[in-house]
PDB file of N, CA and C in Angstrom:
ATOM      1  N   MET A   1      -9.418 -16.596 -60.326  1.00  0.00           N
ATOM      2  CA  MET A   1     -10.829 -16.327 -60.165  1.00  0.00           C
ATOM      3  C   MET A   1     -11.154 -16.160 -58.688  1.00  0.00           C
ATOM      4  N   GLN A   2     -10.557 -16.997 -57.861  1.00  0.00           N
ATOM      5  CA  GLN A   2     -10.853 -16.921 -56.428  1.00  0.00           C
ATOM      6  C   GLN A   2     -10.392 -15.603 -55.830  1.00  0.00           C
ATOM      7  N   ARG A   3      -9.282 -15.073 -56.321  1.00  0.00           N
ATOM      8  CA  ARG A   3      -8.814 -13.780 -55.824  1.00  0.00           C
ATOM      9  C   ARG A   3      -9.821 -12.682 -56.106  1.00  0.00           C
ATOM     10  N   ARG A   4     -10.621 -12.893 -57.113  1.00  0.00           N
ATOM     11  CA  ARG A   4     -11.638 -11.903 -57.487  1.00  0.00           C
ATOM     12  C   ARG A   4     -13.032 -12.320 -57.029  1.00  0.00           C
ATOM     13  N   GLY A   5     -13.088 -13.266 -56.076  1.00  0.00           N
ATOM     14  CA  GLY A   5     -14.339 -13.648 -55.458  1.00  0.00           C
ATOM     15  C   GLY A   5     -15.221 -14.567 -56.283  1.00  0.00           C
ATOM     16  N   ARG A   6     -14.614 -15.301 -57.162  1.00  0.00           N
ATOM     17  CA  ARG A   6     -15.404 -16.206 -58.006  1.00  0.00           C
ATOM     18  C   ARG A   6     -14.733 -17.575 -58.058  1.00  0.00           C
ATOM     19  N   THR A   7     -15.538 -18.604 -57.985  1.00  0.00           N
ATOM     20  CA  THR A   7     -15.054 -19.978 -58.077  1.00  0.00           C
ATOM     21  C   THR A   7     -15.589 -20.576 -59.363  1.00  0.00           C
ATOM     22  N   PRO A   8     -14.744 -21.264 -60.140  1.00  0.00           N
ATOM     23  CA  PRO A   8     -15.234 -21.847 -61.380  1.00  0.00           C
ATOM     24  C   PRO A   8     -16.332 -22.875 -61.130  1.00  0.00           C
ATOM     25  N   VAL A   9     -17.282 -22.886 -62.024  1.00  0.00           N
ATOM     26  CA  VAL A   9     -18.349 -23.879 -61.975  1.00  0.00           C
ATOM     27  C   VAL A   9     -17.723 -25.252 -62.180  1.00  0.00           C
ATOM     28  N   PRO A  10     -18.078 -26.241 -61.350  1.00  0.00           N
ATOM     29  CA  PRO A  10     -17.507 -27.579 -61.562  1.00  0.00           C
ATOM     30  C   PRO A  10     -18.178 -28.298 -62.736  1.00  0.00           C
ATOM     31  N   GLY A  11     -17.512 -29.307 -63.229  1.00  0.00           N
ATOM     32  CA  GLY A  11     -18.099 -30.145 -64.266  1.00  0.00           C
ATOM     33  C   GLY A  11     -17.887 -29.638 -65.676  1.00  0.00           C
ATOM     34  N   ARG A  12     -18.811 -30.004 -66.543  1.00  0.00           N
ATOM     35  CA  ARG A  12     -18.633 -29.764 -67.977  1.00  0.00           C
ATOM     36  C   ARG A  12     -18.631 -28.292 -68.358  1.00  0.00           C
ATOM     37  N   ASP A  13     -19.123 -27.424 -67.508  1.00  0.00           N
ATOM     38  CA  ASP A  13     -19.164 -25.994 -67.819  1.00  0.00           C
ATOM     39  C   ASP A  13     -17.963 -25.224 -67.277  1.00  0.00           C
ATOM     40  N   ALA A  14     -17.016 -25.901 -66.669  1.00  0.00           N
ATOM     41  CA  ALA A  14     -15.877 -25.223 -66.045  1.00  0.00           C
ATOM     42  C   ALA A  14     -15.027 -24.470 -67.066  1.00  0.00           C
ATOM     43  N   ASP A  15     -14.762 -25.087 -68.202  1.00  0.00           N
ATOM     44  CA  ASP A  15     -13.946 -24.402 -69.218  1.00  0.00           C
ATOM     45  C   ASP A  15     -14.633 -23.132 -69.703  1.00  0.00           C
ATOM     46  N   ARG A  16     -15.917 -23.230 -69.989  1.00  0.00           N
ATOM     47  CA  ARG A  16     -16.660 -22.055 -70.451  1.00  0.00           C
ATOM     48  C   ARG A  16     -16.653 -20.967 -69.385  1.00  0.00           C
ATOM     49  N   ASP A  17     -16.837 -21.348 -68.129  1.00  0.00           N
ATOM     50  CA  ASP A  17     -16.849 -20.379 -67.042  1.00  0.00           C
ATOM     51  C   ASP A  17     -15.505 -19.661 -66.929  1.00  0.00           C
ATOM     52  N   ARG A  18     -14.434 -20.398 -67.054  1.00  0.00           N
ATOM     53  CA  ARG A  18     -13.099 -19.780 -66.978  1.00  0.00           C
ATOM     54  C   ARG A  18     -12.865 -18.830 -68.157  1.00  0.00           C
ATOM     55  N   ARG A  19     -13.236 -19.262 -69.355  1.00  0.00           N
ATOM     56  CA  ARG A  19     -13.078 -18.381 -70.532  1.00  0.00           C
ATOM     57  C   ARG A  19     -13.912 -17.110 -70.368  1.00  0.00           C
ATOM     58  N   ASN A  20     -15.157 -17.270 -69.941  1.00  0.00           N
ATOM     59  CA  ASN A  20     -16.019 -16.102 -69.745  1.00  0.00           C
ATOM     60  C   ASN A  20     -15.425 -15.146 -68.723  1.00  0.00           C
ATOM     61  N   PHE A  21     -14.894 -15.690 -67.646  1.00  0.00           N
ATOM     62  CA  PHE A  21     -14.273 -14.851 -66.619  1.00  0.00           C
ATOM     63  C   PHE A  21     -13.117 -14.038 -67.210  1.00  0.00           C
ATOM     64  N   LEU A  22     -12.253 -14.704 -67.948  1.00  0.00           N
ATOM     65  CA  LEU A  22     -11.110 -14.007 -68.541  1.00  0.00           C
ATOM     66  C   LEU A  22     -11.564 -12.913 -69.506  1.00  0.00           C
ATOM     67  N   GLU A  23     -12.604 -13.192 -70.271  1.00  0.00           N
ATOM     68  CA  GLU A  23     -13.142 -12.181 -71.177  1.00  0.00           C
ATOM     69  C   GLU A  23     -13.740 -11.008 -70.392  1.00  0.00           C
ATOM     70  N   GLU A  24     -14.453 -11.307 -69.316  1.00  0.00           N
ATOM     71  CA  GLU A  24     -15.078 -10.264 -68.501  1.00  0.00           C
ATOM     72  C   GLU A  24     -14.062  -9.303 -67.898  1.00  0.00           C
ATOM     73  N   ILE A  25     -12.876  -9.808 -67.580  1.00  0.00           N
ATOM     74  CA  ILE A  25     -11.859  -8.917 -66.999  1.00  0.00           C
ATOM     75  C   ILE A  25     -10.950  -8.326 -68.086  1.00  0.00           C
ATOM     76  N   GLY A  26     -11.362  -8.500 -69.336  1.00  0.00           N
ATOM     77  CA  GLY A  26     -10.634  -7.878 -70.441  1.00  0.00           C
ATOM     78  C   GLY A  26      -9.407  -8.620 -70.912  1.00  0.00           C
ATOM     79  N   ARG A  27      -9.286  -9.887 -70.558  1.00  0.00           N
ATOM     80  CA  ARG A  27      -8.111 -10.653 -70.970  1.00  0.00           C
ATOM     81  C   ARG A  27      -8.476 -11.641 -72.078  1.00  0.00           C
ATOM     82  N   TRP A  28      -8.864 -11.086 -73.215  1.00  0.00           N
ATOM     83  CA  TRP A  28      -9.217 -11.900 -74.383  1.00  0.00           C
ATOM     84  C   TRP A  28      -8.048 -12.770 -74.807  1.00  0.00           C
ATOM     85  N   ASP A  29      -6.831 -12.231 -74.689  1.00  0.00           N
ATOM     86  CA  ASP A  29      -5.644 -12.993 -75.076  1.00  0.00           C
ATOM     87  C   ASP A  29      -5.529 -14.277 -74.258  1.00  0.00           C
ATOM     88  N   LEU A  30      -5.755 -14.168 -72.947  1.00  0.00           N
ATOM     89  CA  LEU A  30      -5.673 -15.350 -72.088  1.00  0.00           C
ATOM     90  C   LEU A  30      -6.855 -16.284 -72.298  1.00  0.00           C
ATOM     91  N   ALA A  31      -8.023 -15.728 -72.590  1.00  0.00           N
ATOM     92  CA  ALA A  31      -9.197 -16.559 -72.869  1.00  0.00           C
ATOM     93  C   ALA A  31      -8.975 -17.380 -74.126  1.00  0.00           C
ATOM     94  N   GLN A  32      -8.405 -16.769 -75.157  1.00  0.00           N
ATOM     95  CA  GLN A  32      -8.142 -17.494 -76.404  1.00  0.00           C
ATOM     96  C   GLN A  32      -7.094 -18.576 -76.200  1.00  0.00           C
ATOM     97  N   LYS A  33      -6.052 -18.260 -75.486  1.00  0.00           N
ATOM     98  CA  LYS A  33      -4.998 -19.242 -75.226  1.00  0.00           C
ATOM     99  C   LYS A  33      -5.547 -20.395 -74.397  1.00  0.00           C
ATOM    100  N   TYR A  34      -6.368 -20.078 -73.400  1.00  0.00           N
ATOM    101  CA  TYR A  34      -6.983 -21.120 -72.576  1.00  0.00           C
ATOM    102  C   TYR A  34      -7.831 -22.043 -73.446  1.00  0.00           C
ATOM    103  N   ALA A  35      -8.648 -21.452 -74.300  1.00  0.00           N
ATOM    104  CA  ALA A  35      -9.525 -22.248 -75.165  1.00  0.00           C
ATOM    105  C   ALA A  35      -8.707 -23.175 -76.050  1.00  0.00           C
ATOM    106  N   TYR A  36      -7.626 -22.659 -76.613  1.00  0.00           N
ATOM    107  CA  TYR A  36      -6.788 -23.471 -77.487  1.00  0.00           C
ATOM    108  C   TYR A  36      -6.144 -24.626 -76.718  1.00  0.00           C
ATOM    109  N   LEU A  37      -5.511 -24.317 -75.615  1.00  0.00           N
ATOM    110  CA  LEU A  37      -4.828 -25.363 -74.849  1.00  0.00           C
ATOM    111  C   LEU A  37      -5.815 -26.388 -74.300  1.00  0.00           C
ATOM    112  N   SER A  38      -6.969 -25.918 -73.868  1.00  0.00           N
ATOM    113  CA  SER A  38      -7.982 -26.828 -73.354  1.00  0.00           C
ATOM    114  C   SER A  38      -8.449 -27.799 -74.436  1.00  0.00           C
ATOM    115  N   GLU A  39      -8.749 -27.267 -75.593  1.00  0.00           N
ATOM    116  CA  GLU A  39      -9.228 -28.117 -76.685  1.00  0.00           C
ATOM    117  C   GLU A  39      -8.136 -29.072 -77.164  1.00  0.00           C
ATOM    118  N   ARG A  40      -6.941 -28.550 -77.305  1.00  0.00           N
ATOM    119  CA  ARG A  40      -5.840 -29.354 -77.855  1.00  0.00           C
ATOM    120  C   ARG A  40      -5.413 -30.454 -76.887  1.00  0.00           C
ATOM    121  N   LEU A  41      -5.147 -30.084 -75.657  1.00  0.00           N
ATOM    122  CA  LEU A  41      -4.616 -31.062 -74.712  1.00  0.00           C
ATOM    123  C   LEU A  41      -5.700 -31.873 -74.026  1.00  0.00           C
ATOM    124  N   HIS A  42      -6.732 -31.217 -73.570  1.00  0.00           N
ATOM    125  CA  HIS A  42      -7.778 -31.947 -72.849  1.00  0.00           C
ATOM    126  C   HIS A  42      -8.696 -32.667 -73.828  1.00  0.00           C
ATOM    127  N   GLY A  43      -9.120 -31.961 -74.854  1.00  0.00           N
ATOM    128  CA  GLY A  43     -10.033 -32.569 -75.820  1.00  0.00           C
ATOM    129  C   GLY A  43      -9.372 -33.586 -76.720  1.00  0.00           C
ATOM    130  N   ASP A  44      -8.354 -33.148 -77.459  1.00  0.00           N
ATOM    131  CA  ASP A  44      -7.724 -34.014 -78.459  1.00  0.00           C
ATOM    132  C   ASP A  44      -6.873 -35.124 -77.850  1.00  0.00           C
ATOM    133  N   VAL A  45      -6.071 -34.773 -76.872  1.00  0.00           N
ATOM    134  CA  VAL A  45      -5.133 -35.753 -76.320  1.00  0.00           C
ATOM    135  C   VAL A  45      -5.807 -36.620 -75.254  1.00  0.00           C
ATOM    136  N   PHE A  46      -6.418 -35.992 -74.260  1.00  0.00           N
ATOM    137  CA  PHE A  46      -6.991 -36.765 -73.157  1.00  0.00           C
ATOM    138  C   PHE A  46      -8.227 -37.555 -73.594  1.00  0.00           C
ATOM    139  N   TYR A  47      -9.214 -36.859 -74.154  1.00  0.00           N
ATOM    140  CA  TYR A  47     -10.461 -37.540 -74.487  1.00  0.00           C
ATOM    141  C   TYR A  47     -10.378 -38.340 -75.782  1.00  0.00           C
ATOM    142  N   ALA A  48      -9.797 -37.752 -76.826  1.00  0.00           N
ATOM    143  CA  ALA A  48      -9.770 -38.432 -78.122  1.00  0.00           C
ATOM    144  C   ALA A  48      -8.595 -39.397 -78.246  1.00  0.00           C
ATOM    145  N   GLY A  49      -7.640 -39.295 -77.342  1.00  0.00           N
ATOM    146  CA  GLY A  49      -6.514 -40.222 -77.357  1.00  0.00           C
ATOM    147  C   GLY A  49      -5.471 -39.951 -78.425  1.00  0.00           C
ATOM    148  N   GLU A  50      -5.455 -38.731 -78.945  1.00  0.00           N
ATOM    149  CA  GLU A  50      -4.442 -38.401 -79.954  1.00  0.00           C
ATOM    150  C   GLU A  50      -3.050 -38.472 -79.333  1.00  0.00           C
ATOM    151  N   ARG A  51      -2.134 -39.038 -80.079  1.00  0.00           N
ATOM    152  CA  ARG A  51      -0.751 -39.135 -79.600  1.00  0.00           C
ATOM    153  C   ARG A  51       0.081 -38.073 -80.284  1.00  0.00           C
ATOM    154  N   LEU A  52       0.821 -37.345 -79.489  1.00  0.00           N
ATOM    155  CA  LEU A  52       1.691 -36.300 -80.009  1.00  0.00           C
ATOM    156  C   LEU A  52       3.135 -36.747 -79.891  1.00  0.00           C
ATOM    157  N   PRO A  53       3.978 -36.329 -80.831  1.00  0.00           N
ATOM    158  CA  PRO A  53       5.412 -36.594 -80.670  1.00  0.00           C
ATOM    159  C   PRO A  53       5.908 -35.965 -79.363  1.00  0.00           C
ATOM    160  N   ALA A  54       6.889 -36.583 -78.750  1.00  0.00           N
ATOM    161  CA  ALA A  54       7.386 -36.128 -77.443  1.00  0.00           C
ATOM    162  C   ALA A  54       7.811 -34.663 -77.463  1.00  0.00           C
ATOM    163  N   ASP A  55       8.486 -34.215 -78.511  1.00  0.00           N
ATOM    164  CA  ASP A  55       8.937 -32.822 -78.557  1.00  0.00           C
ATOM    165  C   ASP A  55       7.752 -31.860 -78.673  1.00  0.00           C
ATOM    166  N   THR A  56       6.720 -32.252 -79.382  1.00  0.00           N
ATOM    167  CA  THR A  56       5.513 -31.426 -79.485  1.00  0.00           C
ATOM    168  C   THR A  56       4.814 -31.356 -78.142  1.00  0.00           C
ATOM    169  N   PHE A  57       4.706 -32.479 -77.469  1.00  0.00           N
ATOM    170  CA  PHE A  57       4.054 -32.504 -76.161  1.00  0.00           C
ATOM    171  C   PHE A  57       4.822 -31.638 -75.163  1.00  0.00           C
ATOM    172  N   ARG A  58       6.148 -31.713 -75.180  1.00  0.00           N
ATOM    173  CA  ARG A  58       6.965 -30.874 -74.294  1.00  0.00           C
ATOM    174  C   ARG A  58       6.733 -29.393 -74.597  1.00  0.00           C
ATOM    175  N   ARG A  59       6.611 -29.065 -75.876  1.00  0.00           N
ATOM    176  CA  ARG A  59       6.358 -27.669 -76.247  1.00  0.00           C
ATOM    177  C   ARG A  59       5.021 -27.198 -75.678  1.00  0.00           C
ATOM    178  N   TYR A  60       3.997 -28.051 -75.767  1.00  0.00           N
ATOM    179  CA  TYR A  60       2.705 -27.696 -75.180  1.00  0.00           C
ATOM    180  C   TYR A  60       2.814 -27.524 -73.668  1.00  0.00           C
ATOM    181  N   LEU A  61       3.540 -28.387 -73.011  1.00  0.00           N
ATOM    182  CA  LEU A  61       3.709 -28.253 -71.563  1.00  0.00           C
ATOM    183  C   LEU A  61       4.430 -26.955 -71.214  1.00  0.00           C
ATOM    184  N   ASP A  62       5.400 -26.562 -72.033  1.00  0.00           N
ATOM    185  CA  ASP A  62       6.069 -25.275 -71.823  1.00  0.00           C
ATOM    186  C   ASP A  62       5.077 -24.128 -71.987  1.00  0.00           C
ATOM    187  N   GLU A  63       4.204 -24.231 -72.988  1.00  0.00           N
ATOM    188  CA  GLU A  63       3.189 -23.199 -73.189  1.00  0.00           C
ATOM    189  C   GLU A  63       2.241 -23.134 -72.002  1.00  0.00           C
ATOM    190  N   VAL A  64       1.862 -24.284 -71.466  1.00  0.00           N
ATOM    191  CA  VAL A  64       0.982 -24.319 -70.294  1.00  0.00           C
ATOM    192  C   VAL A  64       1.673 -23.668 -69.106  1.00  0.00           C
ATOM    193  N   ARG A  65       2.933 -23.983 -68.893  1.00  0.00           N
ATOM    194  CA  ARG A  65       3.687 -23.382 -67.790  1.00  0.00           C
ATOM    195  C   ARG A  65       3.725 -21.861 -67.938  1.00  0.00           C
ATOM    196  N   ASP A  66       4.016 -21.378 -69.141  1.00  0.00           N
ATOM    197  CA  ASP A  66       4.045 -19.933 -69.373  1.00  0.00           C
ATOM    198  C   ASP A  66       2.667 -19.309 -69.160  1.00  0.00           C
ATOM    199  N   TYR A  67       1.643 -20.001 -69.634  1.00  0.00           N
ATOM    200  CA  TYR A  67       0.275 -19.516 -69.482  1.00  0.00           C
ATOM    201  C   TYR A  67      -0.091 -19.405 -67.996  1.00  0.00           C
ATOM    202  N   LEU A  68       0.221 -20.436 -67.234  1.00  0.00           N
ATOM    203  CA  LEU A  68      -0.097 -20.408 -65.805  1.00  0.00           C
ATOM    204  C   LEU A  68       0.641 -19.269 -65.100  1.00  0.00           C
ATOM    205  N   GLY A  69       1.849 -18.993 -65.518  1.00  0.00           N
ATOM    206  CA  GLY A  69       2.573 -17.849 -64.950  1.00  0.00           C
ATOM    207  C   GLY A  69       1.876 -16.536 -65.230  1.00  0.00           C
ATOM    208  N   ARG A  70       1.360 -16.380 -66.442  1.00  0.00           N
ATOM    209  CA  ARG A  70       0.656 -15.158 -66.804  1.00  0.00           C
ATOM    210  C   ARG A  70      -0.664 -15.035 -66.033  1.00  0.00           C
ATOM    211  N   VAL A  71      -1.379 -16.136 -65.899  1.00  0.00           N
ATOM    212  CA  VAL A  71      -2.672 -16.104 -65.201  1.00  0.00           C
ATOM    213  C   VAL A  71      -2.463 -15.862 -63.710  1.00  0.00           C
ATOM    214  N   SER A  72      -1.467 -16.469 -63.131  1.00  0.00           N
ATOM    215  CA  SER A  72      -1.256 -16.303 -61.685  1.00  0.00           C
ATOM    216  C   SER A  72      -0.859 -14.885 -61.327  1.00  0.00           C
ATOM    217  N   ALA A  73      -0.382 -14.132 -62.308  1.00  0.00           N
ATOM    218  CA  ALA A  73       0.013 -12.747 -62.055  1.00  0.00           C
ATOM    219  C   ALA A  73      -1.169 -11.781 -62.081  1.00  0.00           C
ATOM    220  N   LEU A  74      -2.361 -12.293 -62.411  1.00  0.00           N
ATOM    221  CA  LEU A  74      -3.532 -11.396 -62.480  1.00  0.00           C
ATOM    222  C   LEU A  74      -3.837 -10.839 -61.133  1.00  0.00           C
TER     223      LEU A  74
END
């Protein structure tokens, strides 16, 4: 976002701002993936305290790593 002259809104609206940005630049695929990972890991695991099996958690971390690689290439 910063490369394109925009800084995410801090606080509770940051996720929405990031998703909107990705949609605005035509990256619906990345917006959907962001929404899923945000809800699953930040919402379910961090806030709700859901425990995931270690192999499942590692798989999510691999997905996050791949996602960050795709986003950083924008």
